[in-house]
Amino acid sequence: MKPEAIVYRSNTGYTRQYALILGRKTGLPVYALGEAPAGLPRGKRIIYLGWLMAGKVQGYAKAAKQYQIAAVCGVGMGATGSQMQDLRKANALPDGLPVFTLQGGFDLSRLHGVYKLMMTIMAKTAGKGLADKKDRTPDEDAMLDLLLHGGSRVSEDNLAQVMQWYQETL
């Protein structure tokens, strides 16, 4: 059954960017999770995108109570397509539910409060650990670059698997 909308929860804007790109590519309406009830009736089938914190897809539980989740996209700092099994387990996602991960970005200036403090500490500790590692993988090099220099990794290309799944559901 085809999804009827895209719903997202974003913290620093990267998840919102993906939701808007996906909306443009699919023609589906896009709603922020907090605003969705005003324009999207309960029970509709959706694609849900949420930012990742400690492996949890933020807003997923709330969205799942209001809508039928057709697929979940977690947006974080890791490489697109990585850590999907960990994401499924950490969020208790059903086995048949399509799960995707998308690399967003990192920008401390977009964070506030406890999130800024947590990510400052994480960037320093994880960055030092990766910098000191002798045999880094290409993914680890990319993560180190993101931690040290920040930036966005949002790209239409990162949505290729999501789009393939979407086209197969039609």
Protein backbone atom coordinates (compact mmCIF):
# COMPACT_ATOMS: atom_id res chain seq x y z
CA MET A 1 0.00 0.00 0.00
CA LYS A 2 1.36 3.37 -1.04
CA PRO A 3 2.35 6.02 1.56
CA GLU A 4 0.18 9.14 1.58
CA ALA A 5 2.57 11.63 3.20
CA ILE A 6 5.99 12.25 4.68
CA VAL A 7 6.28 13.19 8.34
CA TYR A 8 9.54 14.21 9.98
CA ARG A 9 11.13 15.48 13.16
CA SER A 10 14.29 17.53 12.76
CA ASN A 11 16.66 19.11 15.24
CA THR A 12 19.30 20.86 13.16
CA GLY A 13 17.60 20.93 9.76
CA TYR A 14 19.22 17.99 7.98
CA THR A 15 16.21 15.70 8.45
CA ARG A 16 13.92 18.48 7.22
CA GLN A 17 16.07 18.85 4.11
CA TYR A 18 15.75 15.13 3.36
CA ALA A 19 11.98 15.24 3.96
CA LEU A 20 11.59 18.13 1.53
CA ILE A 21 13.75 16.45 -1.14
CA LEU A 22 11.80 13.22 -0.73
CA GLY A 23 8.54 15.13 -0.93
CA ARG A 24 9.64 16.82 -4.13
CA LYS A 25 10.76 13.52 -5.68
CA THR A 26 7.63 11.56 -4.68
CA GLY A 27 5.01 14.29 -4.90
CA LEU A 28 3.89 13.46 -1.35
CA PRO A 29 2.95 16.23 1.10
CA VAL A 30 5.49 16.87 3.85
CA TYR A 31 4.63 17.63 7.48
CA ALA A 32 6.69 18.33 10.57
CA LEU A 33 5.59 15.89 13.28
CA GLY A 34 4.30 18.64 15.56
CA GLU A 35 2.22 20.20 12.79
CA ALA A 36 1.02 17.01 11.07
CA PRO A 37 -2.21 16.50 13.07
CA ALA A 38 -3.57 19.81 11.73
CA GLY A 39 -3.30 18.70 8.11
CA LEU A 40 -2.96 14.92 8.15
CA PRO A 41 -5.68 12.73 9.65
CA ARG A 42 -4.70 10.00 12.11
CA GLY A 43 -4.19 6.55 10.65
CA LYS A 44 -2.76 7.68 7.31
CA ARG A 45 0.15 5.68 5.90
CA ILE A 46 3.40 7.67 6.04
CA ILE A 47 7.13 7.61 5.53
CA TYR A 48 8.69 8.79 8.78
CA LEU A 49 12.06 10.56 9.02
CA GLY A 50 13.65 11.36 12.35
CA TRP A 51 17.02 12.53 13.57
CA LEU A 52 19.13 10.04 15.47
CA MET A 53 20.30 10.39 19.04
CA ALA A 54 22.05 7.46 20.70
CA GLY A 55 20.55 5.13 18.09
CA LYS A 56 16.97 6.26 18.68
CA VAL A 57 14.86 7.73 15.87
CA GLN A 58 13.48 10.84 17.52
CA GLY A 59 9.71 11.15 17.30
CA TYR A 60 9.16 7.64 15.94
CA ALA A 61 7.09 6.40 18.91
CA LYS A 62 4.78 9.42 18.72
CA ALA A 63 4.40 9.10 14.94
CA ALA A 64 3.66 5.37 15.25
CA LYS A 65 0.79 6.13 17.65
CA GLN A 66 -0.79 8.53 15.16
CA TYR A 67 -0.03 7.01 11.77
CA GLN A 68 0.69 3.78 9.93
CA ILE A 69 4.44 3.79 9.35
CA ALA A 70 5.32 2.48 5.87
CA ALA A 71 9.07 3.09 6.23
CA VAL A 72 11.48 4.73 8.67
CA CYS A 73 14.49 6.87 7.79
CA GLY A 74 16.97 7.73 10.54
CA VAL A 75 19.17 10.75 9.83
CA GLY A 76 22.48 10.91 11.65
CA MET A 77 26.19 11.38 11.29
CA GLY A 78 26.96 7.83 10.15
CA ALA A 79 27.28 6.83 6.52
CA THR A 80 24.10 6.35 4.51
CA GLY A 81 23.04 2.71 4.68
CA SER A 82 25.02 1.93 7.82
CA GLN A 83 23.80 0.71 11.20
CA MET A 84 20.33 -0.30 10.01
CA GLN A 85 20.20 -3.45 12.16
CA ASP A 86 21.28 -1.45 15.22
CA LEU A 87 18.59 1.12 14.44
CA ARG A 88 15.94 -1.59 14.08
CA LYS A 89 16.91 -3.14 17.41
CA ALA A 90 17.27 0.13 19.40
CA ASN A 91 13.83 1.30 18.26
CA ALA A 92 12.10 -2.11 18.37
CA LEU A 93 11.10 -1.72 14.72
CA PRO A 94 9.12 -4.65 13.26
CA ASP A 95 11.06 -7.01 10.98
CA GLY A 96 8.95 -6.26 7.89
CA LEU A 97 9.23 -2.47 8.22
CA PRO A 98 11.65 -0.95 5.69
CA VAL A 99 14.42 0.94 7.51
CA PHE A 100 16.91 3.36 5.97
CA THR A 101 19.73 5.47 7.36
CA LEU A 102 20.78 8.76 5.81
CA GLN A 103 23.89 10.77 6.57
CA GLY A 104 22.89 14.27 7.61
CA GLY A 105 25.58 16.54 8.94
CA PHE A 106 27.18 18.12 11.95
CA ASP A 107 27.16 21.75 12.99
CA LEU A 108 27.55 22.63 16.67
CA SER A 109 26.19 26.13 16.04
CA ARG A 110 22.79 24.60 15.18
CA LEU A 111 22.59 22.81 18.52
CA HIS A 112 21.34 24.21 21.81
CA GLY A 113 21.31 23.31 25.48
CA VAL A 114 22.04 19.76 26.52
CA TYR A 115 22.38 18.57 22.91
CA LYS A 116 25.15 21.06 22.27
CA LEU A 117 26.97 20.01 25.45
CA MET A 118 26.59 16.30 24.65
CA MET A 119 27.80 16.68 21.07
CA THR A 120 30.72 18.90 22.08
CA ILE A 121 31.91 16.17 24.42
CA MET A 122 31.21 13.42 21.88
CA ALA A 123 33.04 15.28 19.11
CA LYS A 124 36.10 15.71 21.30
CA THR A 125 36.24 12.15 22.61
CA ALA A 126 35.20 10.35 19.42
CA GLY A 127 37.29 12.72 17.31
CA LYS A 128 40.39 12.05 19.40
CA GLY A 129 39.74 8.31 19.31
CA LEU A 130 39.40 8.33 15.53
CA ALA A 131 42.36 10.67 15.04
CA ASP A 132 44.56 8.35 17.11
CA LYS A 133 43.43 5.20 15.30
CA LYS A 134 46.10 3.95 12.93
CA ASP A 135 44.10 1.90 10.43
CA ARG A 136 40.96 3.94 9.86
CA THR A 137 38.39 2.78 7.31
CA PRO A 138 37.13 5.23 4.68
CA ASP A 139 33.90 5.59 6.69
CA GLU A 140 35.94 6.43 9.80
CA ASP A 141 37.95 9.00 7.83
CA ALA A 142 34.68 10.58 6.67
CA MET A 143 33.34 10.63 10.25
CA LEU A 144 36.56 12.22 11.54
CA ASP A 145 36.33 14.91 8.86
CA LEU A 146 32.72 15.60 9.84
CA LEU A 147 33.61 15.81 13.54
CA LEU A 148 36.59 18.10 12.94
CA HIS A 149 35.17 20.35 10.23
CA GLY A 150 31.40 19.95 10.39
CA GLY A 151 29.20 20.38 7.36
CA SER A 152 26.28 18.85 5.55
CA ARG A 153 26.26 15.50 3.78
CA VAL A 154 22.62 15.82 2.68
CA SER A 155 22.27 14.72 -0.92
CA GLU A 156 19.62 13.39 -3.28
CA ASP A 157 21.94 10.46 -4.00
CA ASN A 158 21.63 9.35 -0.38
CA LEU A 159 17.89 8.82 -0.98
CA ALA A 160 18.45 6.29 -3.80
CA GLN A 161 17.47 3.24 -1.72
CA VAL A 162 14.44 5.02 -0.27
CA MET A 163 13.31 6.01 -3.77
CA GLN A 164 13.83 2.48 -5.07
CA TRP A 165 11.68 1.12 -2.24
CA TYR A 166 9.03 3.81 -2.84
CA GLN A 167 8.81 3.06 -6.57
CA GLU A 168 8.46 -0.66 -5.80
CA THR A 169 5.49 0.07 -3.51
CA LEU A 170 3.48 1.74 -6.31
